[in-house]
Amino acid sequence: MRRMIHEDNGTVLKVIKHIMLRNFWEYYILADEEDNNKNLAFALVMGDYTELGSVYLPEIEPYVISQTTQLAEGVAPAEGYRWADDPVT
């Protein structure tokens, strides 16, 4: 898990997984303690727009080109966010 902070309003998101689709949409899967359904995830999605919402994972699975839980290894934060453990410049 890695914390991502919005640069303008300070909103903190706990990211547990990053997924990229063939159309280069990015899914930042967020920690969600309440839902035990493995097919659903709550995510910050960067596509045509950036939005938060539930994602039905089997629906996007055929289009996944990469996914990782190793967030410290080359995964950039979402646009407008920074990783909490990165130094502020």
N, C-alpha and C. Protein backbone atom coordinates (compact mmCIF):
# COMPACT_ATOMS: atom_id res chain seq x y z
N MET A 1 0.85 -1.17 0.00
CA MET A 1 0.00 0.00 0.00
C MET A 1 0.90 1.23 0.00
N ARG A 2 0.45 2.24 -0.76
CA ARG A 2 1.18 3.50 -0.81
C ARG A 2 0.17 4.64 -0.79
N ARG A 3 0.46 5.67 -0.02
CA ARG A 3 -0.46 6.79 0.10
C ARG A 3 -0.17 7.83 -0.99
N MET A 4 -1.25 8.31 -1.62
CA MET A 4 -1.18 9.33 -2.66
C MET A 4 -1.96 10.55 -2.16
N ILE A 5 -1.36 11.73 -2.28
CA ILE A 5 -1.96 12.96 -1.75
C ILE A 5 -2.29 13.92 -2.89
N HIS A 6 -3.51 14.44 -2.88
CA HIS A 6 -3.90 15.45 -3.88
C HIS A 6 -3.14 16.73 -3.60
N GLU A 7 -2.54 17.30 -4.64
CA GLU A 7 -1.67 18.46 -4.47
C GLU A 7 -2.42 19.74 -4.08
N ASP A 8 -3.70 19.85 -4.43
CA ASP A 8 -4.45 21.07 -4.12
C ASP A 8 -5.22 20.99 -2.81
N ASN A 9 -5.94 19.87 -2.59
CA ASN A 9 -6.81 19.84 -1.42
C ASN A 9 -6.36 18.89 -0.32
N GLY A 10 -5.25 18.18 -0.54
CA GLY A 10 -4.69 17.32 0.51
C GLY A 10 -5.40 16.00 0.73
N THR A 11 -6.36 15.65 -0.12
CA THR A 11 -7.04 14.37 0.00
C THR A 11 -6.02 13.24 -0.07
N VAL A 12 -6.11 12.29 0.86
CA VAL A 12 -5.19 11.16 0.90
C VAL A 12 -5.93 9.90 0.45
N LEU A 13 -5.33 9.19 -0.52
CA LEU A 13 -5.88 7.93 -1.00
C LEU A 13 -4.86 6.83 -0.73
N LYS A 14 -5.33 5.68 -0.23
CA LYS A 14 -4.47 4.54 0.03
C LYS A 14 -4.55 3.59 -1.16
N VAL A 15 -3.51 3.60 -1.98
CA VAL A 15 -3.48 2.82 -3.21
C VAL A 15 -2.85 1.46 -2.93
N ILE A 16 -3.54 0.38 -3.36
CA ILE A 16 -3.00 -0.97 -3.15
C ILE A 16 -2.60 -1.65 -4.45
N LYS A 17 -3.04 -1.11 -5.60
CA LYS A 17 -2.72 -1.75 -6.87
C LYS A 17 -2.86 -0.75 -8.00
N HIS A 18 -2.03 -0.89 -9.03
CA HIS A 18 -2.12 -0.05 -10.22
C HIS A 18 -2.38 -0.95 -11.41
N ILE A 19 -3.36 -0.57 -12.23
CA ILE A 19 -3.71 -1.32 -13.44
C ILE A 19 -3.72 -0.35 -14.61
N MET A 20 -3.15 -0.79 -15.75
CA MET A 20 -3.21 0.01 -16.97
C MET A 20 -3.86 -0.84 -18.07
N LEU A 21 -4.78 -0.19 -18.80
CA LEU A 21 -5.46 -0.87 -19.90
C LEU A 21 -4.82 -0.54 -21.23
N ARG A 22 -5.22 -1.27 -22.27
CA ARG A 22 -4.68 -1.06 -23.62
C ARG A 22 -4.91 0.36 -24.13
N ASN A 23 -5.97 1.02 -23.68
CA ASN A 23 -6.25 2.40 -24.11
C ASN A 23 -5.53 3.42 -23.23
N PHE A 24 -4.65 2.91 -22.34
CA PHE A 24 -3.82 3.70 -21.41
C PHE A 24 -4.61 4.37 -20.30
N TRP A 25 -5.84 3.91 -20.07
CA TRP A 25 -6.55 4.34 -18.87
C TRP A 25 -5.84 3.69 -17.69
N GLU A 26 -5.72 4.45 -16.61
CA GLU A 26 -5.06 3.94 -15.41
C GLU A 26 -6.05 3.82 -14.27
N TYR A 27 -5.94 2.72 -13.54
CA TYR A 27 -6.79 2.44 -12.39
C TYR A 27 -5.90 2.34 -11.16
N TYR A 28 -6.13 3.22 -10.22
CA TYR A 28 -5.45 3.17 -8.93
C TYR A 28 -6.43 2.53 -7.96
N ILE A 29 -6.26 1.23 -7.71
CA ILE A 29 -7.18 0.50 -6.85
C ILE A 29 -6.90 0.91 -5.40
N LEU A 30 -7.97 1.29 -4.71
CA LEU A 30 -7.83 1.83 -3.35
C LEU A 30 -8.19 0.79 -2.30
N ALA A 31 -7.58 0.92 -1.15
CA ALA A 31 -7.89 0.05 -0.02
C ALA A 31 -9.35 0.24 0.34
N ASP A 32 -10.06 -0.86 0.48
CA ASP A 32 -11.49 -0.79 0.81
C ASP A 32 -11.79 -1.90 1.80
N GLU A 33 -11.87 -1.54 3.06
CA GLU A 33 -12.07 -2.52 4.11
C GLU A 33 -13.49 -3.06 4.18
N GLU A 34 -14.45 -2.38 3.57
CA GLU A 34 -15.86 -2.74 3.75
C GLU A 34 -16.36 -3.80 2.77
N ASP A 35 -15.80 -3.89 1.57
CA ASP A 35 -16.34 -4.76 0.54
C ASP A 35 -15.49 -6.01 0.39
N ASN A 36 -16.09 -7.17 0.58
CA ASN A 36 -15.36 -8.43 0.46
C ASN A 36 -15.54 -9.09 -0.90
N ASN A 37 -16.23 -8.45 -1.83
CA ASN A 37 -16.44 -9.00 -3.16
C ASN A 37 -15.16 -8.82 -3.98
N LYS A 38 -14.52 -9.91 -4.37
CA LYS A 38 -13.24 -9.85 -5.09
C LYS A 38 -13.40 -9.32 -6.51
N ASN A 39 -14.62 -9.26 -7.03
CA ASN A 39 -14.85 -8.76 -8.39
C ASN A 39 -15.04 -7.25 -8.44
N LEU A 40 -15.25 -6.63 -7.30
CA LEU A 40 -15.46 -5.19 -7.24
C LEU A 40 -14.30 -4.51 -6.53
N ALA A 41 -13.96 -3.34 -7.02
CA ALA A 41 -12.91 -2.55 -6.38
C ALA A 41 -13.31 -1.09 -6.45
N PHE A 42 -12.86 -0.33 -5.49
CA PHE A 42 -13.04 1.12 -5.51
C PHE A 42 -11.73 1.69 -6.03
N ALA A 43 -11.81 2.61 -7.00
CA ALA A 43 -10.59 3.08 -7.65
C ALA A 43 -10.68 4.54 -8.07
N LEU A 44 -9.52 5.14 -8.19
CA LEU A 44 -9.37 6.41 -8.88
C LEU A 44 -9.03 6.03 -10.32
N VAL A 45 -9.84 6.45 -11.26
CA VAL A 45 -9.65 6.09 -12.66
C VAL A 45 -9.25 7.33 -13.44
N MET A 46 -8.13 7.23 -14.15
CA MET A 46 -7.69 8.30 -15.05
C MET A 46 -7.92 7.84 -16.47
N GLY A 47 -8.96 8.39 -17.10
CA GLY A 47 -9.28 8.07 -18.48
C GLY A 47 -9.57 9.37 -19.20
N ASP A 48 -10.73 9.45 -19.82
CA ASP A 48 -11.15 10.73 -20.42
C ASP A 48 -11.27 11.79 -19.34
N TYR A 49 -11.70 11.35 -18.17
CA TYR A 49 -11.81 12.20 -16.99
C TYR A 49 -11.18 11.44 -15.83
N THR A 50 -10.86 12.13 -14.76
CA THR A 50 -10.39 11.47 -13.56
C THR A 50 -11.55 11.43 -12.57
N GLU A 51 -11.87 10.22 -12.11
CA GLU A 51 -13.00 10.09 -11.20
C GLU A 51 -12.80 8.91 -10.27
N LEU A 52 -13.50 8.98 -9.14
CA LEU A 52 -13.52 7.90 -8.16
C LEU A 52 -14.79 7.09 -8.34
N GLY A 53 -14.68 5.77 -8.20
CA GLY A 53 -15.88 4.96 -8.29
C GLY A 53 -15.58 3.49 -8.20
N SER A 54 -16.65 2.70 -8.23
CA SER A 54 -16.54 1.25 -8.18
C SER A 54 -16.22 0.71 -9.57
N VAL A 55 -15.38 -0.32 -9.61
CA VAL A 55 -14.97 -0.94 -10.86
C VAL A 55 -15.27 -2.43 -10.77
N TYR A 56 -15.93 -2.96 -11.81
CA TYR A 56 -16.18 -4.39 -11.90
C TYR A 56 -14.98 -4.99 -12.64
N LEU A 57 -14.08 -5.61 -11.89
CA LEU A 57 -12.79 -6.06 -12.43
C LEU A 57 -12.90 -7.05 -13.60
N PRO A 58 -13.83 -8.01 -13.60
CA PRO A 58 -13.92 -8.90 -14.76
C PRO A 58 -14.23 -8.16 -16.07
N GLU A 59 -14.86 -7.02 -15.99
CA GLU A 59 -15.19 -6.24 -17.19
C GLU A 59 -13.93 -5.65 -17.84
N ILE A 60 -12.96 -5.25 -17.04
CA ILE A 60 -11.75 -4.64 -17.61
C ILE A 60 -10.63 -5.66 -17.84
N GLU A 61 -10.74 -6.84 -17.26
CA GLU A 61 -9.68 -7.84 -17.31
C GLU A 61 -9.16 -8.13 -18.72
N PRO A 62 -10.00 -8.26 -19.75
CA PRO A 62 -9.47 -8.56 -21.09
C PRO A 62 -8.60 -7.45 -21.68
N TYR A 63 -8.65 -6.26 -21.12
CA TYR A 63 -7.94 -5.10 -21.67
C TYR A 63 -6.70 -4.71 -20.88
N VAL A 64 -6.40 -5.43 -19.82
CA VAL A 64 -5.27 -5.10 -18.95
C VAL A 64 -3.96 -5.40 -19.67
N ILE A 65 -3.04 -4.41 -19.69
CA ILE A 65 -1.71 -4.65 -20.23
C ILE A 65 -0.66 -4.70 -19.12
N SER A 66 -0.97 -4.12 -17.97
CA SER A 66 -0.06 -4.24 -16.84
C SER A 66 -0.84 -4.04 -15.55
N GLN A 67 -0.35 -4.70 -14.51
CA GLN A 67 -0.90 -4.51 -13.17
C GLN A 67 0.17 -4.87 -12.16
N THR A 68 0.20 -4.11 -11.09
CA THR A 68 1.22 -4.35 -10.08
C THR A 68 0.76 -3.84 -8.72
N THR A 69 1.28 -4.49 -7.70
CA THR A 69 1.13 -4.01 -6.33
C THR A 69 2.45 -3.42 -5.85
N GLN A 70 3.48 -3.48 -6.67
CA GLN A 70 4.80 -2.93 -6.36
C GLN A 70 4.82 -1.45 -6.76
N LEU A 71 4.15 -0.62 -6.00
CA LEU A 71 3.90 0.77 -6.36
C LEU A 71 5.13 1.66 -6.26
N ALA A 72 6.15 1.23 -5.56
CA ALA A 72 7.36 2.04 -5.42
C ALA A 72 8.31 1.83 -6.60
N GLU A 73 7.95 0.94 -7.50
CA GLU A 73 8.83 0.57 -8.61
C GLU A 73 8.31 1.08 -9.95
N GLY A 74 8.43 2.39 -10.17
CA GLY A 74 8.13 2.94 -11.49
C GLY A 74 6.69 3.34 -11.74
N VAL A 75 5.82 3.28 -10.75
CA VAL A 75 4.44 3.71 -10.95
C VAL A 75 4.33 5.19 -10.56
N ALA A 76 3.93 6.00 -11.51
CA ALA A 76 3.75 7.43 -11.23
C ALA A 76 2.42 7.65 -10.52
N PRO A 77 2.33 8.68 -9.70
CA PRO A 77 1.04 8.98 -9.07
C PRO A 77 0.07 9.51 -10.13
N ALA A 78 -1.19 9.51 -9.79
CA ALA A 78 -2.21 10.06 -10.69
C ALA A 78 -1.96 11.55 -10.90
N GLU A 79 -2.46 12.06 -12.02
CA GLU A 79 -2.30 13.49 -12.32
C GLU A 79 -2.94 14.32 -11.21
N GLY A 80 -2.19 15.31 -10.70
CA GLY A 80 -2.67 16.16 -9.63
C GLY A 80 -2.39 15.62 -8.24
N TYR A 81 -1.76 14.45 -8.17
CA TYR A 81 -1.42 13.81 -6.91
C TYR A 81 0.09 13.65 -6.82
N ARG A 82 0.55 13.35 -5.61
CA ARG A 82 1.95 12.97 -5.40
C ARG A 82 1.96 11.84 -4.39
N TRP A 83 3.01 11.03 -4.43
CA TRP A 83 3.16 9.99 -3.42
C TRP A 83 3.54 10.65 -2.11
N ALA A 84 2.95 10.24 -1.02
CA ALA A 84 3.19 10.84 0.30
C ALA A 84 4.63 10.70 0.74
N ASP A 85 5.29 9.63 0.30
CA ASP A 85 6.66 9.40 0.73
C ASP A 85 7.70 10.04 -0.19
N ASP A 86 7.26 10.73 -1.25
CA ASP A 86 8.19 11.48 -2.10
C ASP A 86 8.45 12.85 -1.49
N PRO A 87 9.67 13.34 -1.60
CA PRO A 87 9.94 14.68 -1.06
C PRO A 87 9.17 15.75 -1.82
N VAL A 88 8.70 16.75 -1.11
CA VAL A 88 7.98 17.87 -1.73
C VAL A 88 9.02 18.84 -2.27
N THR A 89 8.85 19.21 -3.55
CA THR A 89 9.83 20.14 -4.15
C THR A 89 9.23 21.51 -4.36
